Structures are given as C-alpha cells and as structure tokens.
C-alpha cells in the first residue's frame, strides 16, 4: 500500500460555528475533482509548481466552506455536498450539451 504524496493529503479547513471555530478535513479527491475538473478550472488555471496548485486548491475549498451554513461542521457533510455538486454540475452540462431538459435520466 503506497502512501499519498503531500500534495494529495486531505484538505484541512476551518469553519465558524455558533460556539467558535473548529477544523476538519475534506477528502482531497472530491475537492480536486470538483474545484479543478467539474468547474473546468483546469482550462484557466496555470501553475508553475505543484505547490502553487495545492495552495490554490486549499484556498478554493476554504472559500467554499466559508459559504456553507454553519449549523453542521462535519467532513461527511462537506463531502456529501461536494458529491451532490459534482452530480448536479454533470446534469447541468449534459442539459447544455444536448440542449434538452429531458435527458431520459431516471433520477
């Protein structure tokens, strides 16, 4: 079993709660896929080093977390939200690509 490189570690985020601040980690693969691929940032983002890319991704994730409701600060909650966002972005793109609201998807 190989370990993850330091660039593929889960992403630590800080969140405000009603009782103060807390931190949690979010799955790297979900974050990377959503912020870099699903939102098509790879088309506009040019990084000189992998460190720049990792820092960019961490900023994107932290900004997104800051926009989420503070009622629930939990990595599972954030990861579920990312999975739903990836799914919804895929549906949006398919509708745009096929110029149809009826994609015959049994959802």
N, C-alpha and C. Protein backbone atom coordinates (compact mmCIF):
# COMPACT_ATOMS: atom_id res chain seq x y z
N UNK A 1 0.84 -1.17 0.00
CA UNK A 1 0.00 0.00 0.00
C UNK A 1 0.89 1.24 0.00
N UNK A 2 0.69 2.10 -0.95
CA UNK A 2 1.51 3.31 -1.02
C UNK A 2 0.80 4.46 -0.32
N UNK A 3 1.59 5.34 0.24
CA UNK A 3 1.01 6.48 0.93
C UNK A 3 0.79 7.62 -0.06
N UNK A 4 -0.10 8.50 0.30
CA UNK A 4 -0.39 9.64 -0.54
C UNK A 4 0.77 10.62 -0.48
N UNK A 5 1.00 11.29 -1.60
CA UNK A 5 2.01 12.33 -1.57
C UNK A 5 1.50 13.50 -0.74
N UNK A 6 2.39 14.38 -0.37
CA UNK A 6 1.97 15.51 0.45
C UNK A 6 1.00 16.41 -0.30
N UNK A 7 0.95 16.30 -1.61
CA UNK A 7 0.04 17.13 -2.40
C UNK A 7 -1.36 16.53 -2.48
N UNK A 8 -1.48 15.24 -2.15
CA UNK A 8 -2.76 14.56 -2.23
C UNK A 8 -3.38 14.30 -0.86
N UNK A 9 -2.83 14.92 0.16
CA UNK A 9 -3.41 14.79 1.51
C UNK A 9 -4.78 15.44 1.53
N UNK A 10 -5.62 14.95 2.42
CA UNK A 10 -6.93 15.58 2.59
C UNK A 10 -6.73 17.04 2.97
N UNK A 11 -7.74 17.86 2.68
CA UNK A 11 -7.62 19.30 2.84
C UNK A 11 -8.21 19.73 4.18
N UNK A 12 -7.39 20.38 4.99
CA UNK A 12 -7.84 20.88 6.28
C UNK A 12 -8.49 22.24 6.08
N UNK A 13 -9.68 22.39 6.68
CA UNK A 13 -10.41 23.66 6.60
C UNK A 13 -10.82 24.10 7.99
N UNK A 14 -11.02 25.38 8.14
CA UNK A 14 -11.51 25.96 9.39
C UNK A 14 -12.92 26.47 9.14
N UNK A 15 -13.77 26.32 10.12
CA UNK A 15 -15.15 26.77 9.98
C UNK A 15 -15.61 27.46 11.25
N UNK A 16 -16.46 28.46 11.07
CA UNK A 16 -17.05 29.16 12.20
C UNK A 16 -18.30 28.42 12.62
N UNK A 17 -18.49 28.30 13.91
CA UNK A 17 -19.71 27.69 14.45
C UNK A 17 -20.31 28.67 15.45
N UNK A 18 -21.48 28.33 15.94
CA UNK A 18 -22.12 29.20 16.93
C UNK A 18 -21.31 29.25 18.23
N UNK A 19 -20.49 28.25 18.46
CA UNK A 19 -19.70 28.23 19.69
C UNK A 19 -18.23 28.58 19.46
N UNK A 20 -17.88 29.03 18.27
CA UNK A 20 -16.50 29.41 17.99
C UNK A 20 -16.02 28.89 16.66
N UNK A 21 -14.76 28.47 16.62
CA UNK A 21 -14.18 27.94 15.40
C UNK A 21 -13.80 26.48 15.60
N UNK A 22 -13.82 25.74 14.52
CA UNK A 22 -13.39 24.35 14.55
C UNK A 22 -12.75 24.02 13.21
N UNK A 23 -12.10 22.89 13.13
CA UNK A 23 -11.49 22.48 11.88
C UNK A 23 -11.84 21.03 11.59
N UNK A 24 -11.75 20.69 10.33
CA UNK A 24 -11.98 19.32 9.88
C UNK A 24 -11.20 19.13 8.59
N UNK A 25 -11.17 17.92 8.09
CA UNK A 25 -10.51 17.67 6.81
C UNK A 25 -11.53 17.13 5.83
N UNK A 26 -11.31 17.46 4.56
CA UNK A 26 -12.21 17.03 3.49
C UNK A 26 -11.39 16.23 2.49
N UNK A 27 -11.99 15.20 1.96
CA UNK A 27 -11.34 14.30 1.01
C UNK A 27 -10.72 15.06 -0.16
N UNK A 28 -9.43 14.83 -0.37
CA UNK A 28 -8.69 15.50 -1.44
C UNK A 28 -9.28 15.19 -2.82
N UNK A 29 -9.59 13.94 -3.07
CA UNK A 29 -10.05 13.55 -4.40
C UNK A 29 -11.35 14.26 -4.77
N UNK A 30 -12.30 14.35 -3.84
CA UNK A 30 -13.55 15.07 -4.11
C UNK A 30 -13.28 16.55 -4.36
N UNK A 31 -12.45 17.15 -3.51
CA UNK A 31 -12.13 18.57 -3.67
C UNK A 31 -11.46 18.84 -5.01
N UNK A 32 -10.46 18.03 -5.32
CA UNK A 32 -9.73 18.21 -6.57
C UNK A 32 -10.65 18.06 -7.77
N UNK A 33 -11.47 17.03 -7.75
CA UNK A 33 -12.35 16.80 -8.90
C UNK A 33 -13.35 17.95 -9.06
N UNK A 34 -13.98 18.37 -7.98
CA UNK A 34 -15.00 19.42 -8.09
C UNK A 34 -14.39 20.76 -8.48
N UNK A 35 -13.41 21.22 -7.74
CA UNK A 35 -12.90 22.56 -7.96
C UNK A 35 -12.01 22.67 -9.19
N UNK A 36 -11.32 21.60 -9.55
CA UNK A 36 -10.41 21.70 -10.68
C UNK A 36 -11.02 21.18 -11.97
N UNK A 37 -11.79 20.09 -11.91
CA UNK A 37 -12.32 19.49 -13.13
C UNK A 37 -13.79 19.82 -13.38
N UNK A 38 -14.65 19.58 -12.40
CA UNK A 38 -16.09 19.79 -12.61
C UNK A 38 -16.40 21.25 -12.94
N UNK A 39 -15.69 22.16 -12.31
CA UNK A 39 -15.92 23.59 -12.57
C UNK A 39 -15.05 24.09 -13.73
N UNK A 40 -14.33 23.16 -14.35
CA UNK A 40 -13.48 23.44 -15.51
C UNK A 40 -12.40 24.48 -15.24
N UNK A 41 -11.91 24.51 -14.03
CA UNK A 41 -10.84 25.45 -13.69
C UNK A 41 -9.52 25.05 -14.36
N UNK A 42 -9.39 23.76 -14.72
CA UNK A 42 -8.14 23.32 -15.35
C UNK A 42 -7.91 24.04 -16.67
N UNK A 43 -8.98 24.56 -17.28
CA UNK A 43 -8.84 25.26 -18.56
C UNK A 43 -8.24 26.65 -18.39
N UNK A 44 -8.40 27.22 -17.20
CA UNK A 44 -7.90 28.57 -16.98
C UNK A 44 -6.74 28.65 -16.01
N UNK A 45 -6.56 27.62 -15.21
CA UNK A 45 -5.52 27.65 -14.18
C UNK A 45 -4.19 27.15 -14.73
N UNK A 46 -3.20 27.97 -14.57
CA UNK A 46 -1.83 27.60 -14.97
C UNK A 46 -0.94 27.76 -13.75
N UNK A 47 -0.31 26.68 -13.35
CA UNK A 47 0.53 26.69 -12.16
C UNK A 47 1.95 26.36 -12.55
N UNK A 48 2.89 27.07 -11.95
CA UNK A 48 4.30 26.81 -12.22
C UNK A 48 4.81 25.61 -11.43
N UNK A 49 4.23 25.41 -10.25
CA UNK A 49 4.66 24.29 -9.41
C UNK A 49 3.44 23.58 -8.83
N UNK A 50 3.67 22.38 -8.36
CA UNK A 50 2.59 21.63 -7.73
C UNK A 50 2.21 22.27 -6.39
N UNK A 51 3.19 22.95 -5.75
CA UNK A 51 2.89 23.68 -4.51
C UNK A 51 1.88 24.79 -4.76
N UNK A 52 2.03 25.51 -5.86
CA UNK A 52 1.08 26.57 -6.22
C UNK A 52 -0.31 25.99 -6.42
N UNK A 53 -0.37 24.85 -7.09
CA UNK A 53 -1.67 24.20 -7.36
C UNK A 53 -2.33 23.77 -6.06
N UNK A 54 -1.56 23.18 -5.16
CA UNK A 54 -2.10 22.73 -3.87
C UNK A 54 -2.63 23.92 -3.07
N UNK A 55 -1.87 25.00 -3.01
CA UNK A 55 -2.30 26.20 -2.27
C UNK A 55 -3.56 26.79 -2.89
N UNK A 56 -3.62 26.80 -4.21
CA UNK A 56 -4.82 27.29 -4.91
C UNK A 56 -6.03 26.44 -4.50
N UNK A 57 -5.86 25.13 -4.53
CA UNK A 57 -6.96 24.23 -4.18
C UNK A 57 -7.40 24.44 -2.73
N UNK A 58 -6.46 24.57 -1.83
CA UNK A 58 -6.80 24.82 -0.43
C UNK A 58 -7.59 26.11 -0.27
N UNK A 59 -7.22 27.16 -1.00
CA UNK A 59 -7.97 28.43 -0.93
C UNK A 59 -9.38 28.27 -1.49
N UNK A 60 -9.52 27.53 -2.59
CA UNK A 60 -10.84 27.30 -3.18
C UNK A 60 -11.75 26.58 -2.20
N UNK A 61 -11.23 25.54 -1.58
CA UNK A 61 -12.02 24.73 -0.63
C UNK A 61 -12.38 25.57 0.59
N UNK A 62 -11.43 26.32 1.14
CA UNK A 62 -11.71 27.13 2.32
C UNK A 62 -12.77 28.19 2.01
N UNK A 63 -12.69 28.82 0.85
CA UNK A 63 -13.69 29.82 0.45
C UNK A 63 -15.07 29.17 0.35
N UNK A 64 -15.13 27.97 -0.23
CA UNK A 64 -16.39 27.25 -0.36
C UNK A 64 -16.96 26.90 1.02
N UNK A 65 -16.11 26.43 1.92
CA UNK A 65 -16.55 26.09 3.27
C UNK A 65 -17.11 27.33 3.97
N UNK A 66 -16.46 28.46 3.78
CA UNK A 66 -16.93 29.71 4.40
C UNK A 66 -18.32 30.09 3.91
N UNK A 67 -18.70 29.65 2.73
CA UNK A 67 -20.02 29.96 2.17
C UNK A 67 -21.11 29.00 2.62
N UNK A 68 -20.74 27.90 3.28
CA UNK A 68 -21.71 26.89 3.70
C UNK A 68 -22.36 27.29 5.02
N UNK A 69 -23.57 26.77 5.27
CA UNK A 69 -24.23 27.05 6.55
C UNK A 69 -23.37 26.54 7.71
N UNK A 70 -23.41 27.24 8.83
CA UNK A 70 -22.57 26.86 9.97
C UNK A 70 -23.25 25.89 10.92
N UNK A 71 -24.46 25.47 10.61
CA UNK A 71 -25.18 24.57 11.51
C UNK A 71 -24.47 23.22 11.67
N UNK A 72 -23.84 22.76 10.60
CA UNK A 72 -23.19 21.46 10.64
C UNK A 72 -21.77 21.58 10.10
N UNK A 73 -20.80 21.38 10.96
CA UNK A 73 -19.40 21.41 10.54
C UNK A 73 -18.87 19.99 10.70
N UNK A 74 -18.87 19.27 9.58
CA UNK A 74 -18.52 17.86 9.61
C UNK A 74 -17.96 17.48 8.24
N UNK A 75 -16.88 16.74 8.21
CA UNK A 75 -16.28 16.36 6.93
C UNK A 75 -17.27 15.55 6.09
N UNK A 76 -18.05 14.68 6.71
CA UNK A 76 -19.03 13.89 5.96
C UNK A 76 -20.06 14.78 5.28
N UNK A 77 -20.50 15.81 5.98
CA UNK A 77 -21.46 16.76 5.42
C UNK A 77 -20.85 17.47 4.22
N UNK A 78 -19.63 17.97 4.37
CA UNK A 78 -18.97 18.68 3.27
C UNK A 78 -18.74 17.75 2.08
N UNK A 79 -18.32 16.53 2.35
CA UNK A 79 -18.06 15.58 1.26
C UNK A 79 -19.34 15.20 0.54
N UNK A 80 -20.44 15.07 1.27
CA UNK A 80 -21.73 14.80 0.63
C UNK A 80 -22.15 15.98 -0.24
N UNK A 81 -21.93 17.19 0.26
CA UNK A 81 -22.26 18.39 -0.53
C UNK A 81 -21.42 18.45 -1.81
N UNK A 82 -20.16 18.09 -1.72
CA UNK A 82 -19.31 18.08 -2.91
C UNK A 82 -19.78 17.03 -3.91
N UNK A 83 -20.13 15.84 -3.42
CA UNK A 83 -20.62 14.78 -4.32
C UNK A 83 -21.90 15.23 -5.02
N UNK A 84 -22.81 15.86 -4.29
CA UNK A 84 -24.04 16.37 -4.90
C UNK A 84 -23.73 17.46 -5.91
N UNK A 85 -22.78 18.32 -5.59
CA UNK A 85 -22.41 19.40 -6.50
C UNK A 85 -21.80 18.85 -7.79
N UNK A 86 -20.97 17.81 -7.66
CA UNK A 86 -20.39 17.17 -8.85
C UNK A 86 -21.50 16.58 -9.71
N UNK A 87 -22.44 15.88 -9.09
CA UNK A 87 -23.56 15.29 -9.81
C UNK A 87 -24.38 16.37 -10.51
N UNK A 88 -24.73 17.43 -9.78
CA UNK A 88 -25.55 18.50 -10.36
C UNK A 88 -24.83 19.21 -11.51
N UNK A 89 -23.53 19.38 -11.38
CA UNK A 89 -22.76 20.01 -12.47
C UNK A 89 -22.77 19.12 -13.70
N UNK A 90 -22.70 17.81 -13.50
CA UNK A 90 -22.77 16.88 -14.63
C UNK A 90 -24.12 16.95 -15.33
N UNK A 91 -25.20 17.02 -14.57
CA UNK A 91 -26.55 17.15 -15.16
C UNK A 91 -26.67 18.48 -15.91
N UNK A 92 -26.18 19.55 -15.31
CA UNK A 92 -26.25 20.87 -15.96
C UNK A 92 -25.51 20.85 -17.30
N UNK A 93 -24.32 20.26 -17.30
CA UNK A 93 -23.54 20.20 -18.55
C UNK A 93 -24.22 19.34 -19.60
N UNK A 94 -24.80 18.22 -19.18
CA UNK A 94 -25.49 17.35 -20.13
C UNK A 94 -26.67 18.07 -20.76
N UNK A 95 -27.43 18.80 -19.95
CA UNK A 95 -28.57 19.55 -20.48
C UNK A 95 -28.09 20.60 -21.47
N UNK A 96 -27.00 21.25 -21.14
CA UNK A 96 -26.44 22.27 -22.03
C UNK A 96 -25.92 21.65 -23.32
N UNK A 97 -25.23 20.54 -23.19
CA UNK A 97 -24.64 19.86 -24.34
C UNK A 97 -25.70 19.33 -25.30
N UNK A 98 -26.77 18.75 -24.74
CA UNK A 98 -27.80 18.15 -25.57
C UNK A 98 -29.00 19.05 -25.78
N UNK A 99 -28.93 20.29 -25.28
CA UNK A 99 -29.99 21.28 -25.46
C UNK A 99 -31.36 20.71 -25.10
N UNK A 100 -31.41 20.06 -23.95
CA UNK A 100 -32.65 19.42 -23.55
C UNK A 100 -32.75 19.35 -22.04
N UNK A 101 -33.98 19.50 -21.53
CA UNK A 101 -34.23 19.25 -20.13
C UNK A 101 -34.61 17.79 -19.91
N UNK A 102 -34.93 17.09 -20.99
CA UNK A 102 -35.32 15.69 -20.90
C UNK A 102 -34.17 14.83 -21.43
N UNK A 103 -33.30 14.42 -20.52
CA UNK A 103 -32.16 13.60 -20.92
C UNK A 103 -32.44 12.11 -20.76
N UNK A 104 -33.68 11.79 -20.44
CA UNK A 104 -34.11 10.41 -20.20
C UNK A 104 -33.28 9.77 -19.10
N UNK A 105 -32.98 10.59 -18.10
CA UNK A 105 -32.29 10.07 -16.93
C UNK A 105 -33.34 9.76 -15.88
N UNK A 106 -33.35 8.54 -15.42
CA UNK A 106 -34.33 8.14 -14.41
C UNK A 106 -33.77 8.51 -13.05
N UNK A 107 -33.99 9.76 -12.67
CA UNK A 107 -33.44 10.24 -11.40
C UNK A 107 -34.55 10.25 -10.39
